[in-house]
Amino acid sequence: MFKRDELGVPSFWQLQLLGWVVFYFVLLIAVLPYRKAEDLRDQTIAWAAMFLASCLLRPVCRSLLRRSLSWIGLELRALAWSVAMGTVAAFVTELAILRVVRLVWTDLLVNILQLSVVLFLWCTLYFSIKQWQQSTWERERLLIVEREAREARLSALRYQLNPHFLFNSLNAVSTLVLKGDAPGATRMLSQIGSLLRASLDGPLVSEIPLWQEL
């Protein structure tokens, strides 16, 4: 079971591991028709290099997001960092595969391009998820603020109406007393007490059922 945040989104490391494991299986499916152990080893080394590079890119991407850059600004900086990390990852991958310091530069350039593209797409996905989370959190916060403001207005209206209600009710009771209708005055006082108790003790809601109002 994934541990999720307040928006119901799994944590970064859960998404990171799940995404890269799925990508690794895609690479395995791509080399299955060839059935060569060397291809499987090479793809595994390349996958491990990209995974480590993406982990190193995470603090960079977080730092870029804190700078409140435009989307184009984010993407351009992410592209530069992806090329830099892709170059390092491709160089390490070639060394690990060849096991000698003798590189084929054409293969190295192709690997740099491929790894850089994958890392750039990873950065773009990271930015997209983070900005979606931020916008969703802001909408949730706005809804909470609007609900609190609405409840505050209802509460203020209640406190404004209660004094007028009490004034009129007490005048009605006084009239019943002057007319000598003691049972009627007692009954009205009891009803006023019940109404005030229900109004003060009950939850503050904008709508109530008709039967409750009656």
C-alpha atoms as a PDB file:
ATOM      1  CA  MET A   1       0.000   0.000   0.000  1.00  0.00           C
ATOM      2  CA  PHE A   2       1.433   3.344  -1.058  1.00  0.00           C
ATOM      3  CA  LYS A   3       1.781   6.049   1.553  1.00  0.00           C
ATOM      4  CA  ARG A   4       0.008   9.105   0.167  1.00  0.00           C
ATOM      5  CA  ASP A   5       0.047  12.784   0.995  1.00  0.00           C
ATOM      6  CA  GLU A   6      -2.960  14.984   1.794  1.00  0.00           C
ATOM      7  CA  LEU A   7      -3.845  15.111  -1.906  1.00  0.00           C
ATOM      8  CA  GLY A   8      -3.773  11.328  -2.271  1.00  0.00           C
ATOM      9  CA  VAL A   9      -0.543  11.305  -4.307  1.00  0.00           C
ATOM     10  CA  PRO A  10       2.162   8.709  -3.481  1.00  0.00           C
ATOM     11  CA  SER A  11       5.505   9.978  -2.201  1.00  0.00           C
ATOM     12  CA  PHE A  12       8.367  10.890  -4.541  1.00  0.00           C
ATOM     13  CA  TRP A  13      10.396   7.749  -3.880  1.00  0.00           C
ATOM     14  CA  GLN A  14       7.406   5.492  -4.457  1.00  0.00           C
ATOM     15  CA  LEU A  15       6.712   7.121  -7.819  1.00  0.00           C
ATOM     16  CA  GLN A  16      10.442   7.183  -8.601  1.00  0.00           C
ATOM     17  CA  LEU A  17      10.927   3.477  -8.011  1.00  0.00           C
ATOM     18  CA  LEU A  18       7.691   2.499  -9.731  1.00  0.00           C
ATOM     19  CA  GLY A  19       8.432   4.601 -12.804  1.00  0.00           C
ATOM     20  CA  TRP A  20      11.981   3.402 -13.242  1.00  0.00           C
ATOM     21  CA  VAL A  21      11.048  -0.251 -12.645  1.00  0.00           C
ATOM     22  CA  VAL A  22       8.410   0.027 -15.381  1.00  0.00           C
ATOM     23  CA  PHE A  23      10.979   1.697 -17.654  1.00  0.00           C
ATOM     24  CA  TYR A  24      13.438  -1.136 -16.933  1.00  0.00           C
ATOM     25  CA  PHE A  25      10.866  -3.728 -17.979  1.00  0.00           C
ATOM     26  CA  VAL A  26      10.318  -1.779 -21.195  1.00  0.00           C
ATOM     27  CA  LEU A  27      14.062  -1.968 -21.865  1.00  0.00           C
ATOM     28  CA  LEU A  28      14.021  -5.707 -21.194  1.00  0.00           C
ATOM     29  CA  ILE A  29      11.174  -6.201 -23.627  1.00  0.00           C
ATOM     30  CA  ALA A  30      13.166  -4.258 -26.232  1.00  0.00           C
ATOM     31  CA  VAL A  31      16.191  -6.589 -25.982  1.00  0.00           C
ATOM     32  CA  LEU A  32      14.278  -9.870 -25.621  1.00  0.00           C
ATOM     33  CA  PRO A  33      14.128 -10.566 -29.383  1.00  0.00           C
ATOM     34  CA  TYR A  34      17.951 -10.522 -29.558  1.00  0.00           C
ATOM     35  CA  ARG A  35      18.402 -12.899 -26.592  1.00  0.00           C
ATOM     36  CA  LYS A  36      21.931 -11.738 -25.935  1.00  0.00           C
ATOM     37  CA  ALA A  37      23.306 -11.551 -22.419  1.00  0.00           C
ATOM     38  CA  GLU A  38      25.501  -8.630 -23.439  1.00  0.00           C
ATOM     39  CA  ASP A  39      22.480  -6.570 -24.491  1.00  0.00           C
ATOM     40  CA  LEU A  40      20.737  -7.281 -21.201  1.00  0.00           C
ATOM     41  CA  ARG A  41      23.861  -6.301 -19.275  1.00  0.00           C
ATOM     42  CA  ASP A  42      24.316  -3.101 -21.272  1.00  0.00           C
ATOM     43  CA  GLN A  43      20.694  -2.051 -20.821  1.00  0.00           C
ATOM     44  CA  THR A  44      20.866  -2.775 -17.109  1.00  0.00           C
ATOM     45  CA  ILE A  45      23.997  -0.657 -16.704  1.00  0.00           C
ATOM     46  CA  ALA A  46      22.449   2.185 -18.718  1.00  0.00           C
ATOM     47  CA  TRP A  47      19.240   1.964 -16.678  1.00  0.00           C
ATOM     48  CA  ALA A  48      21.183   2.082 -13.395  1.00  0.00           C
ATOM     49  CA  ALA A  49      23.135   5.121 -14.596  1.00  0.00           C
ATOM     50  CA  MET A  50      19.949   6.954 -15.568  1.00  0.00           C
ATOM     51  CA  PHE A  51      18.285   6.066 -12.269  1.00  0.00           C
ATOM     52  CA  LEU A  52      21.209   7.445 -10.258  1.00  0.00           C
ATOM     53  CA  ALA A  53      21.352  10.535 -12.477  1.00  0.00           C
ATOM     54  CA  SER A  54      17.643  11.205 -11.902  1.00  0.00           C
ATOM     55  CA  CYS A  55      18.174  10.940  -8.139  1.00  0.00           C
ATOM     56  CA  LEU A  56      20.940  13.533  -8.421  1.00  0.00           C
ATOM     57  CA  LEU A  57      18.694  15.760 -10.538  1.00  0.00           C
ATOM     58  CA  ARG A  58      15.944  15.840  -7.934  1.00  0.00           C
ATOM     59  CA  PRO A  59      17.535  18.497  -5.651  1.00  0.00           C
ATOM     60  CA  VAL A  60      18.366  20.532  -8.760  1.00  0.00           C
ATOM     61  CA  CYS A  61      14.755  20.453  -9.907  1.00  0.00           C
ATOM     62  CA  ARG A  62      13.508  21.340  -6.438  1.00  0.00           C
ATOM     63  CA  SER A  63      15.863  24.301  -6.356  1.00  0.00           C
ATOM     64  CA  LEU A  64      14.615  25.475  -9.753  1.00  0.00           C
ATOM     65  CA  LEU A  65      10.992  25.264  -8.637  1.00  0.00           C
ATOM     66  CA  ARG A  66      11.699  27.454  -5.599  1.00  0.00           C
ATOM     67  CA  ARG A  67      12.948  30.221  -7.901  1.00  0.00           C
ATOM     68  CA  SER A  68       9.458  30.773  -9.389  1.00  0.00           C
ATOM     69  CA  LEU A  69      10.691  30.642 -12.965  1.00  0.00           C
ATOM     70  CA  SER A  70       8.472  30.514 -16.019  1.00  0.00           C
ATOM     71  CA  TRP A  71       7.817  27.149 -17.633  1.00  0.00           C
ATOM     72  CA  ILE A  72      10.225  27.928 -20.486  1.00  0.00           C
ATOM     73  CA  GLY A  73      12.878  28.999 -17.979  1.00  0.00           C
ATOM     74  CA  LEU A  74      12.439  25.757 -16.071  1.00  0.00           C
ATOM     75  CA  GLU A  75      12.666  23.665 -19.217  1.00  0.00           C
ATOM     76  CA  LEU A  76      15.781  25.414 -20.540  1.00  0.00           C
ATOM     77  CA  ARG A  77      17.623  24.960 -17.246  1.00  0.00           C
ATOM     78  CA  ALA A  78      16.402  21.380 -16.993  1.00  0.00           C
ATOM     79  CA  LEU A  79      17.691  20.728 -20.512  1.00  0.00           C
ATOM     80  CA  ALA A  80      21.144  22.048 -19.619  1.00  0.00           C
ATOM     81  CA  TRP A  81      21.305  19.948 -16.459  1.00  0.00           C
ATOM     82  CA  SER A  82      19.976  16.891 -18.317  1.00  0.00           C
ATOM     83  CA  VAL A  83      22.698  17.178 -20.952  1.00  0.00           C
ATOM     84  CA  ALA A  84      25.349  17.541 -18.245  1.00  0.00           C
ATOM     85  CA  MET A  85      24.082  14.565 -16.244  1.00  0.00           C
ATOM     86  CA  GLY A  86      23.452  12.569 -19.431  1.00  0.00           C
ATOM     87  CA  THR A  87      27.066  13.132 -20.477  1.00  0.00           C
ATOM     88  CA  VAL A  88      28.380  11.890 -17.142  1.00  0.00           C
ATOM     89  CA  ALA A  89      25.986   8.922 -17.119  1.00  0.00           C
ATOM     90  CA  ALA A  90      26.891   7.979 -20.710  1.00  0.00           C
ATOM     91  CA  PHE A  91      30.613   8.223 -19.958  1.00  0.00           C
ATOM     92  CA  VAL A  92      30.250   6.029 -16.857  1.00  0.00           C
ATOM     93  CA  THR A  93      28.077   3.592 -18.798  1.00  0.00           C
ATOM     94  CA  GLU A  94      30.611   3.259 -21.603  1.00  0.00           C
ATOM     95  CA  LEU A  95      33.431   2.681 -19.122  1.00  0.00           C
ATOM     96  CA  ALA A  96      31.421   0.065 -17.278  1.00  0.00           C
ATOM     97  CA  ILE A  97      30.527  -1.735 -20.504  1.00  0.00           C
ATOM     98  CA  LEU A  98      33.952  -1.614 -22.183  1.00  0.00           C
ATOM     99  CA  ARG A  99      35.884  -1.930 -18.898  1.00  0.00           C
ATOM    100  CA  VAL A 100      38.788  -0.088 -20.518  1.00  0.00           C
ATOM    101  CA  VAL A 101      39.530   3.567 -21.055  1.00  0.00           C
ATOM    102  CA  ARG A 102      39.028   3.309 -24.803  1.00  0.00           C
ATOM    103  CA  LEU A 103      35.835   4.915 -25.954  1.00  0.00           C
ATOM    104  CA  VAL A 104      34.109   4.848 -29.312  1.00  0.00           C
ATOM    105  CA  TRP A 105      33.151   8.491 -29.661  1.00  0.00           C
ATOM    106  CA  THR A 106      30.253   7.934 -32.048  1.00  0.00           C
ATOM    107  CA  ASP A 107      28.646   5.450 -29.657  1.00  0.00           C
ATOM    108  CA  LEU A 108      29.353   7.814 -26.769  1.00  0.00           C
ATOM    109  CA  LEU A 109      27.617  10.728 -28.508  1.00  0.00           C
ATOM    110  CA  VAL A 110      24.589   8.573 -29.303  1.00  0.00           C
ATOM    111  CA  ASN A 111      24.380   7.455 -25.678  1.00  0.00           C
ATOM    112  CA  ILE A 112      24.725  11.038 -24.455  1.00  0.00           C
ATOM    113  CA  LEU A 113      21.817  12.064 -26.671  1.00  0.00           C
ATOM    114  CA  GLN A 114      19.621   9.162 -25.579  1.00  0.00           C
ATOM    115  CA  LEU A 115      20.316   9.536 -21.864  1.00  0.00           C
ATOM    116  CA  SER A 116      19.933  13.317 -22.014  1.00  0.00           C
ATOM    117  CA  VAL A 117      16.526  12.993 -23.660  1.00  0.00           C
ATOM    118  CA  VAL A 118      15.341  10.486 -21.045  1.00  0.00           C
ATOM    119  CA  LEU A 119      16.568  12.668 -18.171  1.00  0.00           C
ATOM    120  CA  PHE A 120      15.001  15.770 -19.721  1.00  0.00           C
ATOM    121  CA  LEU A 121      11.663  13.964 -19.987  1.00  0.00           C
ATOM    122  CA  TRP A 122      12.078  12.911 -16.357  1.00  0.00           C
ATOM    123  CA  CYS A 123      12.611  16.551 -15.323  1.00  0.00           C
ATOM    124  CA  THR A 124       9.558  17.634 -17.309  1.00  0.00           C
ATOM    125  CA  LEU A 125       7.441  14.965 -15.628  1.00  0.00           C
ATOM    126  CA  TYR A 126       8.777  16.027 -12.226  1.00  0.00           C
ATOM    127  CA  PHE A 127       7.892  19.674 -12.878  1.00  0.00           C
ATOM    128  CA  SER A 128       4.429  18.716 -14.133  1.00  0.00           C
ATOM    129  CA  ILE A 129       3.605  16.625 -11.062  1.00  0.00           C
ATOM    130  CA  LYS A 130       4.910  19.252  -8.654  1.00  0.00           C
ATOM    131  CA  GLN A 131       3.013  22.089 -10.321  1.00  0.00           C
ATOM    132  CA  TRP A 132      -0.151  19.988 -10.406  1.00  0.00           C
ATOM    133  CA  GLN A 133       0.250  19.303  -6.684  1.00  0.00           C
ATOM    134  CA  GLN A 134       0.813  22.999  -5.987  1.00  0.00           C
ATOM    135  CA  SER A 135      -2.214  24.125  -7.992  1.00  0.00           C
ATOM    136  CA  THR A 136      -4.408  21.441  -6.411  1.00  0.00           C
ATOM    137  CA  TRP A 137      -3.247  22.404  -2.932  1.00  0.00           C
ATOM    138  CA  GLU A 138      -3.974  26.066  -3.657  1.00  0.00           C
ATOM    139  CA  ARG A 139      -7.482  25.222  -4.863  1.00  0.00           C
ATOM    140  CA  GLU A 140      -8.116  23.135  -1.746  1.00  0.00           C
ATOM    141  CA  ARG A 141      -6.842  25.962   0.435  1.00  0.00           C
ATOM    142  CA  LEU A 142      -9.025  28.483  -1.403  1.00  0.00           C
ATOM    143  CA  LEU A 143     -12.084  26.302  -0.847  1.00  0.00           C
ATOM    144  CA  ILE A 144     -11.274  26.073   2.869  1.00  0.00           C
ATOM    145  CA  VAL A 145     -10.843  29.845   3.130  1.00  0.00           C
ATOM    146  CA  GLU A 146     -14.123  30.455   1.281  1.00  0.00           C
ATOM    147  CA  ARG A 147     -15.953  28.012   3.546  1.00  0.00           C
ATOM    148  CA  GLU A 148     -14.518  29.637   6.652  1.00  0.00           C
ATOM    149  CA  ALA A 149     -15.479  33.080   5.361  1.00  0.00           C
ATOM    150  CA  ARG A 150     -19.022  31.890   4.642  1.00  0.00           C
ATOM    151  CA  GLU A 151     -19.319  30.405   8.127  1.00  0.00           C
ATOM    152  CA  ALA A 152     -18.008  33.643   9.637  1.00  0.00           C
ATOM    153  CA  ARG A 153     -20.641  35.644   7.746  1.00  0.00           C
ATOM    154  CA  LEU A 154     -23.373  33.276   8.931  1.00  0.00           C
ATOM    155  CA  SER A 155     -22.108  33.546  12.488  1.00  0.00           C
ATOM    156  CA  ALA A 156     -22.033  37.342  12.303  1.00  0.00           C
ATOM    157  CA  LEU A 157     -25.576  37.359  10.899  1.00  0.00           C
ATOM    158  CA  ARG A 158     -26.715  35.093  13.710  1.00  0.00           C
ATOM    159  CA  TYR A 159     -25.280  37.393  16.347  1.00  0.00           C
ATOM    160  CA  GLN A 160     -26.929  40.375  14.660  1.00  0.00           C
ATOM    161  CA  LEU A 161     -30.352  38.720  14.518  1.00  0.00           C
ATOM    162  CA  ASN A 162     -30.393  37.231  18.026  1.00  0.00           C
ATOM    163  CA  PRO A 163     -30.725  40.567  19.895  1.00  0.00           C
ATOM    164  CA  HIS A 164     -33.673  41.615  17.690  1.00  0.00           C
ATOM    165  CA  PHE A 165     -35.290  38.236  18.151  1.00  0.00           C
ATOM    166  CA  LEU A 166     -34.913  38.394  21.926  1.00  0.00           C
ATOM    167  CA  PHE A 167     -36.243  41.957  22.062  1.00  0.00           C
ATOM    168  CA  ASN A 168     -39.397  41.062  20.105  1.00  0.00           C
ATOM    169  CA  SER A 169     -39.902  37.818  22.002  1.00  0.00           C
ATOM    170  CA  LEU A 170     -39.634  39.510  25.396  1.00  0.00           C
ATOM    171  CA  ASN A 171     -42.111  42.173  24.266  1.00  0.00           C
ATOM    172  CA  ALA A 172     -44.538  39.402  23.290  1.00  0.00           C
ATOM    173  CA  VAL A 173     -44.091  37.710  26.679  1.00  0.00           C
ATOM    174  CA  SER A 174     -44.603  41.055  28.408  1.00  0.00           C
ATOM    175  CA  THR A 175     -47.848  41.541  26.470  1.00  0.00           C
ATOM    176  CA  LEU A 176     -49.106  38.107  27.547  1.00  0.00           C
ATOM    177  CA  VAL A 177     -48.281  38.898  31.167  1.00  0.00           C
ATOM    178  CA  LEU A 178     -50.138  42.224  30.999  1.00  0.00           C
ATOM    179  CA  LYS A 179     -53.152  40.404  29.535  1.00  0.00           C
ATOM    180  CA  GLY A 180     -53.063  37.949  32.439  1.00  0.00           C
ATOM    181  CA  ASP A 181     -52.237  34.973  30.202  1.00  0.00           C
ATOM    182  CA  ALA A 182     -49.682  33.421  32.532  1.00  0.00           C
ATOM    183  CA  PRO A 183     -49.835  29.911  30.951  1.00  0.00           C
ATOM    184  CA  GLY A 184     -49.267  31.441  27.510  1.00  0.00           C
ATOM    185  CA  ALA A 185     -46.324  33.518  28.759  1.00  0.00           C
ATOM    186  CA  THR A 186     -44.794  30.461  30.452  1.00  0.00           C
ATOM    187  CA  ARG A 187     -45.193  28.382  27.309  1.00  0.00           C
ATOM    188  CA  MET A 188     -43.592  31.097  25.181  1.00  0.00           C
ATOM    189  CA  LEU A 189     -40.633  31.432  27.547  1.00  0.00           C
ATOM    190  CA  SER A 190     -40.131  27.680  27.394  1.00  0.00           C
ATOM    191  CA  GLN A 191     -40.229  27.735  23.597  1.00  0.00           C
ATOM    192  CA  ILE A 192     -37.801  30.658  23.471  1.00  0.00           C
ATOM    193  CA  GLY A 193     -35.380  28.767  25.730  1.00  0.00           C
ATOM    194  CA  SER A 194     -35.608  25.643  23.563  1.00  0.00           C
ATOM    195  CA  LEU A 195     -35.032  27.658  20.387  1.00  0.00           C
ATOM    196  CA  LEU A 196     -32.004  29.473  21.805  1.00  0.00           C
ATOM    197  CA  ARG A 197     -30.541  26.228  23.114  1.00  0.00           C
ATOM    198  CA  ALA A 198     -30.921  24.563  19.703  1.00  0.00           C
ATOM    199  CA  SER A 199     -29.466  27.622  17.955  1.00  0.00           C
ATOM    200  CA  LEU A 200     -26.402  27.917  20.184  1.00  0.00           C
ATOM    201  CA  ASP A 201     -25.639  24.242  20.705  1.00  0.00           C
ATOM    202  CA  GLY A 202     -26.257  23.089  17.134  1.00  0.00           C
ATOM    203  CA  PRO A 203     -23.626  23.182  14.358  1.00  0.00           C
ATOM    204  CA  LEU A 204     -23.305  26.252  12.177  1.00  0.00           C
ATOM    205  CA  VAL A 205     -24.755  25.282   8.801  1.00  0.00           C
ATOM    206  CA  SER A 206     -26.000  27.309   5.860  1.00  0.00           C
ATOM    207  CA  GLU A 207     -29.053  25.103   5.254  1.00  0.00           C
ATOM    208  CA  ILE A 208     -31.301  23.014   7.492  1.00  0.00           C
ATOM    209  CA  PRO A 209     -34.251  20.680   6.709  1.00  0.00           C
ATOM    210  CA  LEU A 210     -37.738  22.179   6.600  1.00  0.00           C
ATOM    211  CA  TRP A 211     -38.981  19.916   9.391  1.00  0.00           C
ATOM    212  CA  GLN A 212     -36.248  21.211  11.688  1.00  0.00           C
ATOM    213  CA  GLU A 213     -37.110  24.822  10.839  1.00  0.00           C
ATOM    214  CA  LEU A 214     -40.791  24.160  11.622  1.00  0.00           C
END
